[in-house]
């Protein structure tokens, strides 16, 4: 659900925030960095550009 952003005029901050159920105020102002959450290894260790990837990794572990 949510709005698919225009590639010609992407939203500020995280480009997925308009359709992310975990988006917060920070997502509108800061672009997240692509990184692998700490504590993950093997097949579970994949890069994510999300301010809250660490939080999500704890739930999945």
PDB file of N, CA and C in Angstrom:
ATOM      1  N   UNK A   1       0.825  -1.207   0.000  1.00  0.00           N
ATOM      2  CA  UNK A   1       0.000   0.000   0.000  1.00  0.00           C
ATOM      3  C   UNK A   1       0.859   1.257   0.000  1.00  0.00           C
ATOM      4  N   UNK A   2       0.266   2.346  -0.343  1.00  0.00           N
ATOM      5  CA  UNK A   2       0.966   3.621  -0.366  1.00  0.00           C
ATOM      6  C   UNK A   2       1.200   4.102  -1.770  1.00  0.00           C
ATOM      7  N   UNK A   3       1.799   5.260  -1.875  1.00  0.00           N
ATOM      8  CA  UNK A   3       2.056   5.862  -3.173  1.00  0.00           C
ATOM      9  C   UNK A   3       3.418   5.433  -3.707  1.00  0.00           C
ATOM     10  N   UNK A   4       3.462   5.068  -4.986  1.00  0.00           N
ATOM     11  CA  UNK A   4       4.720   4.757  -5.634  1.00  0.00           C
ATOM     12  C   UNK A   4       5.327   6.095  -6.046  1.00  0.00           C
ATOM     13  N   UNK A   5       6.563   6.384  -5.605  1.00  0.00           N
ATOM     14  CA  UNK A   5       7.156   7.674  -5.926  1.00  0.00           C
ATOM     15  C   UNK A   5       7.512   7.816  -7.404  1.00  0.00           C
ATOM     16  N   UNK A   6       7.489   9.023  -7.878  1.00  0.00           N
ATOM     17  CA  UNK A   6       7.857   9.316  -9.255  1.00  0.00           C
ATOM     18  C   UNK A   6       9.372   9.244  -9.403  1.00  0.00           C
ATOM     19  N   UNK A   7       9.890   8.482 -10.379  1.00  0.00           N
ATOM     20  CA  UNK A   7      11.340   8.437 -10.580  1.00  0.00           C
ATOM     21  C   UNK A   7      11.890   9.801 -11.020  1.00  0.00           C
ATOM     22  N   UNK A   8      11.064  10.603 -11.662  1.00  0.00           N
ATOM     23  CA  UNK A   8      11.495  11.928 -12.111  1.00  0.00           C
ATOM     24  C   UNK A   8      11.522  12.933 -10.963  1.00  0.00           C
ATOM     25  N   UNK A   9      10.737  12.684  -9.926  1.00  0.00           N
ATOM     26  CA  UNK A   9      10.663  13.600  -8.790  1.00  0.00           C
ATOM     27  C   UNK A   9      10.530  12.784  -7.501  1.00  0.00           C
ATOM     28  N   UNK A  10      11.612  12.081  -7.097  1.00  0.00           N
ATOM     29  CA  UNK A  10      11.533  11.224  -5.910  1.00  0.00           C
ATOM     30  C   UNK A  10      11.352  12.048  -4.635  1.00  0.00           C
ATOM     31  N   UNK A  11      10.767  11.440  -3.601  1.00  0.00           N
ATOM     32  CA  UNK A  11      10.586  12.157  -2.335  1.00  0.00           C
ATOM     33  C   UNK A  11      11.930  12.400  -1.645  1.00  0.00           C
ATOM     34  N   UNK A  12      11.947  13.331  -0.730  1.00  0.00           N
ATOM     35  CA  UNK A  12      13.157  13.593   0.056  1.00  0.00           C
ATOM     36  C   UNK A  12      13.409  12.419   0.999  1.00  0.00           C
ATOM     37  N   UNK A  13      14.628  12.324   1.483  1.00  0.00           N
ATOM     38  CA  UNK A  13      14.957  11.268   2.442  1.00  0.00           C
ATOM     39  C   UNK A  13      14.896   9.894   1.810  1.00  0.00           C
ATOM     40  N   UNK A  14      14.295   8.967   2.509  1.00  0.00           N
ATOM     41  CA  UNK A  14      14.153   7.597   2.003  1.00  0.00           C
ATOM     42  C   UNK A  14      13.119   7.567   0.884  1.00  0.00           C
ATOM     43  N   UNK A  15      13.487   6.998  -0.241  1.00  0.00           N
ATOM     44  CA  UNK A  15      12.593   6.967  -1.407  1.00  0.00           C
ATOM     45  C   UNK A  15      11.401   6.030  -1.215  1.00  0.00           C
ATOM     46  N   UNK A  16      11.463   5.174  -0.233  1.00  0.00           N
ATOM     47  CA  UNK A  16      10.374   4.222  -0.002  1.00  0.00           C
ATOM     48  C   UNK A  16       9.415   4.672   1.103  1.00  0.00           C
ATOM     49  N   UNK A  17       9.677   5.798   1.726  1.00  0.00           N
ATOM     50  CA  UNK A  17       8.900   6.214   2.897  1.00  0.00           C
ATOM     51  C   UNK A  17       7.420   6.422   2.633  1.00  0.00           C
ATOM     52  N   UNK A  18       7.048   6.761   1.401  1.00  0.00           N
ATOM     53  CA  UNK A  18       5.630   6.997   1.107  1.00  0.00           C
ATOM     54  C   UNK A  18       4.809   5.710   1.116  1.00  0.00           C
ATOM     55  N   UNK A  19       5.486   4.572   1.090  1.00  0.00           N
ATOM     56  CA  UNK A  19       4.753   3.296   1.113  1.00  0.00           C
ATOM     57  C   UNK A  19       5.266   2.315   2.163  1.00  0.00           C
ATOM     58  N   UNK A  20       6.075   2.802   3.095  1.00  0.00           N
ATOM     59  CA  UNK A  20       6.636   1.947   4.148  1.00  0.00           C
ATOM     60  C   UNK A  20       5.816   2.069   5.429  1.00  0.00           C
ATOM     61  N   UNK A  21       5.431   0.957   5.977  1.00  0.00           N
ATOM     62  CA  UNK A  21       4.614   0.964   7.200  1.00  0.00           C
ATOM     63  C   UNK A  21       5.436   1.299   8.447  1.00  0.00           C
ATOM     64  N   UNK A  22       6.772   1.272   8.344  1.00  0.00           N
ATOM     65  CA  UNK A  22       7.629   1.612   9.481  1.00  0.00           C
ATOM     66  C   UNK A  22       8.212   3.022   9.377  1.00  0.00           C
ATOM     67  N   UNK A  23       7.845   3.807   8.366  1.00  0.00           N
ATOM     68  CA  UNK A  23       8.412   5.138   8.154  1.00  0.00           C
ATOM     69  C   UNK A  23       8.117   6.059   9.338  1.00  0.00           C
ATOM     70  N   UNK A  24       9.104   6.873   9.669  1.00  0.00           N
ATOM     71  CA  UNK A  24       9.004   7.842  10.755  1.00  0.00           C
ATOM     72  C   UNK A  24       9.486   9.198  10.239  1.00  0.00           C
ATOM     73  N   UNK A  25       9.462  10.215  11.066  1.00  0.00           N
ATOM     74  CA  UNK A  25       9.861  11.566  10.660  1.00  0.00           C
ATOM     75  C   UNK A  25      11.265  11.597  10.064  1.00  0.00           C
ATOM     76  N   UNK A  26      12.176  10.853  10.630  1.00  0.00           N
ATOM     77  CA  UNK A  26      13.561  10.816  10.152  1.00  0.00           C
ATOM     78  C   UNK A  26      13.643  10.406   8.682  1.00  0.00           C
ATOM     79  N   UNK A  27      12.755   9.538   8.251  1.00  0.00           N
ATOM     80  CA  UNK A  27      12.762   9.032   6.879  1.00  0.00           C
ATOM     81  C   UNK A  27      12.493  10.135   5.856  1.00  0.00           C
ATOM     82  N   UNK A  28      11.813  11.184   6.256  1.00  0.00           N
ATOM     83  CA  UNK A  28      11.495  12.287   5.347  1.00  0.00           C
ATOM     84  C   UNK A  28      12.663  13.246   5.156  1.00  0.00           C
ATOM     85  N   UNK A  29      13.607  13.237   6.078  1.00  0.00           N
ATOM     86  CA  UNK A  29      14.687  14.225   6.023  1.00  0.00           C
ATOM     87  C   UNK A  29      16.068  13.647   5.753  1.00  0.00           C
ATOM     88  N   UNK A  30      16.299  12.372   6.082  1.00  0.00           N
ATOM     89  CA  UNK A  30      17.623  11.763   5.927  1.00  0.00           C
ATOM     90  C   UNK A  30      17.568  10.570   4.979  1.00  0.00           C
ATOM     91  N   UNK A  31      18.492  10.535   4.028  1.00  0.00           N
ATOM     92  CA  UNK A  31      18.592   9.392   3.122  1.00  0.00           C
ATOM     93  C   UNK A  31      19.374   8.291   3.827  1.00  0.00           C
ATOM     94  N   UNK A  32      18.808   7.081   3.946  1.00  0.00           N
ATOM     95  CA  UNK A  32      19.522   6.004   4.635  1.00  0.00           C
ATOM     96  C   UNK A  32      20.703   5.480   3.812  1.00  0.00           C
ATOM     97  N   UNK A  33      21.713   4.971   4.502  1.00  0.00           N
ATOM     98  CA  UNK A  33      22.918   4.429   3.878  1.00  0.00           C
ATOM     99  C   UNK A  33      22.751   2.923   3.699  1.00  0.00           C
ATOM    100  N   UNK A  34      23.218   2.405   2.569  1.00  0.00           N
ATOM    101  CA  UNK A  34      23.171   0.967   2.306  1.00  0.00           C
ATOM    102  C   UNK A  34      24.207   0.273   3.185  1.00  0.00           C
ATOM    103  N   UNK A  35      23.764  -0.656   4.032  1.00  0.00           N
ATOM    104  CA  UNK A  35      24.668  -1.351   4.956  1.00  0.00           C
ATOM    105  C   UNK A  35      24.067  -2.683   5.383  1.00  0.00           C
ATOM    106  N   UNK A  36      24.918  -3.575   5.862  1.00  0.00           N
ATOM    107  CA  UNK A  36      24.484  -4.852   6.423  1.00  0.00           C
ATOM    108  C   UNK A  36      24.344  -4.654   7.930  1.00  0.00           C
ATOM    109  N   UNK A  37      23.181  -4.972   8.509  1.00  0.00           N
ATOM    110  CA  UNK A  37      23.007  -4.814   9.958  1.00  0.00           C
ATOM    111  C   UNK A  37      24.034  -5.645  10.729  1.00  0.00           C
ATOM    112  N   UNK A  38      24.572  -5.078  11.797  1.00  0.00           N
ATOM    113  CA  UNK A  38      25.558  -5.806  12.599  1.00  0.00           C
ATOM    114  C   UNK A  38      24.913  -7.019  13.248  1.00  0.00           C
ATOM    115  N   UNK A  39      25.704  -8.041  13.455  1.00  0.00           N
ATOM    116  CA  UNK A  39      25.213  -9.246  14.108  1.00  0.00           C
ATOM    117  C   UNK A  39      24.627 -10.272  13.151  1.00  0.00           C
ATOM    118  N   UNK A  40      24.543  -9.934  11.865  1.00  0.00           N
ATOM    119  CA  UNK A  40      24.017 -10.890  10.897  1.00  0.00           C
ATOM    120  C   UNK A  40      25.160 -11.482  10.090  1.00  0.00           C
ATOM    121  N   UNK A  41      25.050 -12.774   9.774  1.00  0.00           N
ATOM    122  CA  UNK A  41      26.062 -13.447   8.974  1.00  0.00           C
ATOM    123  C   UNK A  41      25.374 -14.471   8.085  1.00  0.00           C
ATOM    124  N   UNK A  42      26.101 -14.959   7.106  1.00  0.00           N
ATOM    125  CA  UNK A  42      25.570 -15.970   6.213  1.00  0.00           C
ATOM    126  C   UNK A  42      24.443 -15.444   5.350  1.00  0.00           C
ATOM    127  N   UNK A  43      23.465 -16.302   5.013  1.00  0.00           N
ATOM    128  CA  UNK A  43      22.380 -15.910   4.109  1.00  0.00           C
ATOM    129  C   UNK A  43      21.517 -14.765   4.652  1.00  0.00           C
ATOM    130  N   UNK A  44      21.480 -14.600   5.965  1.00  0.00           N
ATOM    131  CA  UNK A  44      20.665 -13.530   6.563  1.00  0.00           C
ATOM    132  C   UNK A  44      21.324 -12.164   6.411  1.00  0.00           C
ATOM    133  N   UNK A  45      22.615 -12.140   6.080  1.00  0.00           N
ATOM    134  CA  UNK A  45      23.364 -10.878   6.002  1.00  0.00           C
ATOM    135  C   UNK A  45      23.230 -10.271   4.610  1.00  0.00           C
ATOM    136  N   UNK A  46      22.222  -9.462   4.440  1.00  0.00           N
ATOM    137  CA  UNK A  46      22.068  -8.747   3.176  1.00  0.00           C
ATOM    138  C   UNK A  46      21.973  -7.247   3.466  1.00  0.00           C
ATOM    139  N   UNK A  47      22.433  -6.475   2.510  1.00  0.00           N
ATOM    140  CA  UNK A  47      22.449  -5.021   2.685  1.00  0.00           C
ATOM    141  C   UNK A  47      21.040  -4.457   2.608  1.00  0.00           C
ATOM    142  N   UNK A  48      20.830  -3.410   3.367  1.00  0.00           N
ATOM    143  CA  UNK A  48      19.546  -2.731   3.413  1.00  0.00           C
ATOM    144  C   UNK A  48      19.786  -1.247   3.588  1.00  0.00           C
ATOM    145  N   UNK A  49      19.015  -0.426   2.896  1.00  0.00           N
ATOM    146  CA  UNK A  49      19.106   1.031   3.060  1.00  0.00           C
ATOM    147  C   UNK A  49      17.900   1.469   3.874  1.00  0.00           C
ATOM    148  N   UNK A  50      17.995   1.269   5.176  1.00  0.00           N
ATOM    149  CA  UNK A  50      16.895   1.604   6.081  1.00  0.00           C
ATOM    150  C   UNK A  50      17.486   2.114   7.392  1.00  0.00           C
ATOM    151  N   UNK A  51      16.933   3.193   7.903  1.00  0.00           N
ATOM    152  CA  UNK A  51      17.398   3.727   9.185  1.00  0.00           C
ATOM    153  C   UNK A  51      17.151   2.743  10.321  1.00  0.00           C
ATOM    154  N   UNK A  52      16.232   1.848  10.130  1.00  0.00           N
ATOM    155  CA  UNK A  52      15.809   0.955  11.201  1.00  0.00           C
ATOM    156  C   UNK A  52      16.118  -0.506  10.906  1.00  0.00           C
ATOM    157  N   UNK A  53      17.124  -0.761  10.058  1.00  0.00           N
ATOM    158  CA  UNK A  53      17.496  -2.133   9.697  1.00  0.00           C
ATOM    159  C   UNK A  53      17.946  -2.933  10.910  1.00  0.00           C
ATOM    160  N   UNK A  54      18.673  -2.302  11.829  1.00  0.00           N
ATOM    161  CA  UNK A  54      19.127  -3.003  13.044  1.00  0.00           C
ATOM    162  C   UNK A  54      17.920  -3.503  13.845  1.00  0.00           C
ATOM    163  N   UNK A  55      16.930  -2.655  13.950  1.00  0.00           N
ATOM    164  CA  UNK A  55      15.701  -2.989  14.666  1.00  0.00           C
ATOM    165  C   UNK A  55      15.016  -4.192  14.021  1.00  0.00           C
ATOM    166  N   UNK A  56      14.919  -4.182  12.690  1.00  0.00           N
ATOM    167  CA  UNK A  56      14.268  -5.270  11.959  1.00  0.00           C
ATOM    168  C   UNK A  56      15.080  -6.554  12.057  1.00  0.00           C
ATOM    169  N   UNK A  57      16.409  -6.444  12.069  1.00  0.00           N
ATOM    170  CA  UNK A  57      17.278  -7.622  12.166  1.00  0.00           C
ATOM    171  C   UNK A  57      17.081  -8.326  13.496  1.00  0.00           C
ATOM    172  N   UNK A  58      16.887  -7.581  14.569  1.00  0.00           N
ATOM    173  CA  UNK A  58      16.676  -8.177  15.893  1.00  0.00           C
ATOM    174  C   UNK A  58      15.387  -8.991  15.924  1.00  0.00           C
ATOM    175  N   UNK A  59      14.368  -8.517  15.232  1.00  0.00           N
ATOM    176  CA  UNK A  59      13.081  -9.221  15.195  1.00  0.00           C
ATOM    177  C   UNK A  59      13.211 -10.514  14.419  1.00  0.00           C
ATOM    178  N   UNK A  60      13.998 -10.515  13.312  1.00  0.00           N
ATOM    179  CA  UNK A  60      14.151 -11.696  12.466  1.00  0.00           C
ATOM    180  C   UNK A  60      15.068 -12.728  13.084  1.00  0.00           C
ATOM    181  N   UNK A  61      16.021 -12.314  13.919  1.00  0.00           N
ATOM    182  CA  UNK A  61      17.022 -13.229  14.454  1.00  0.00           C
ATOM    183  C   UNK A  61      16.426 -14.200  15.454  1.00  0.00           C
TER     184      UNK A  61
END
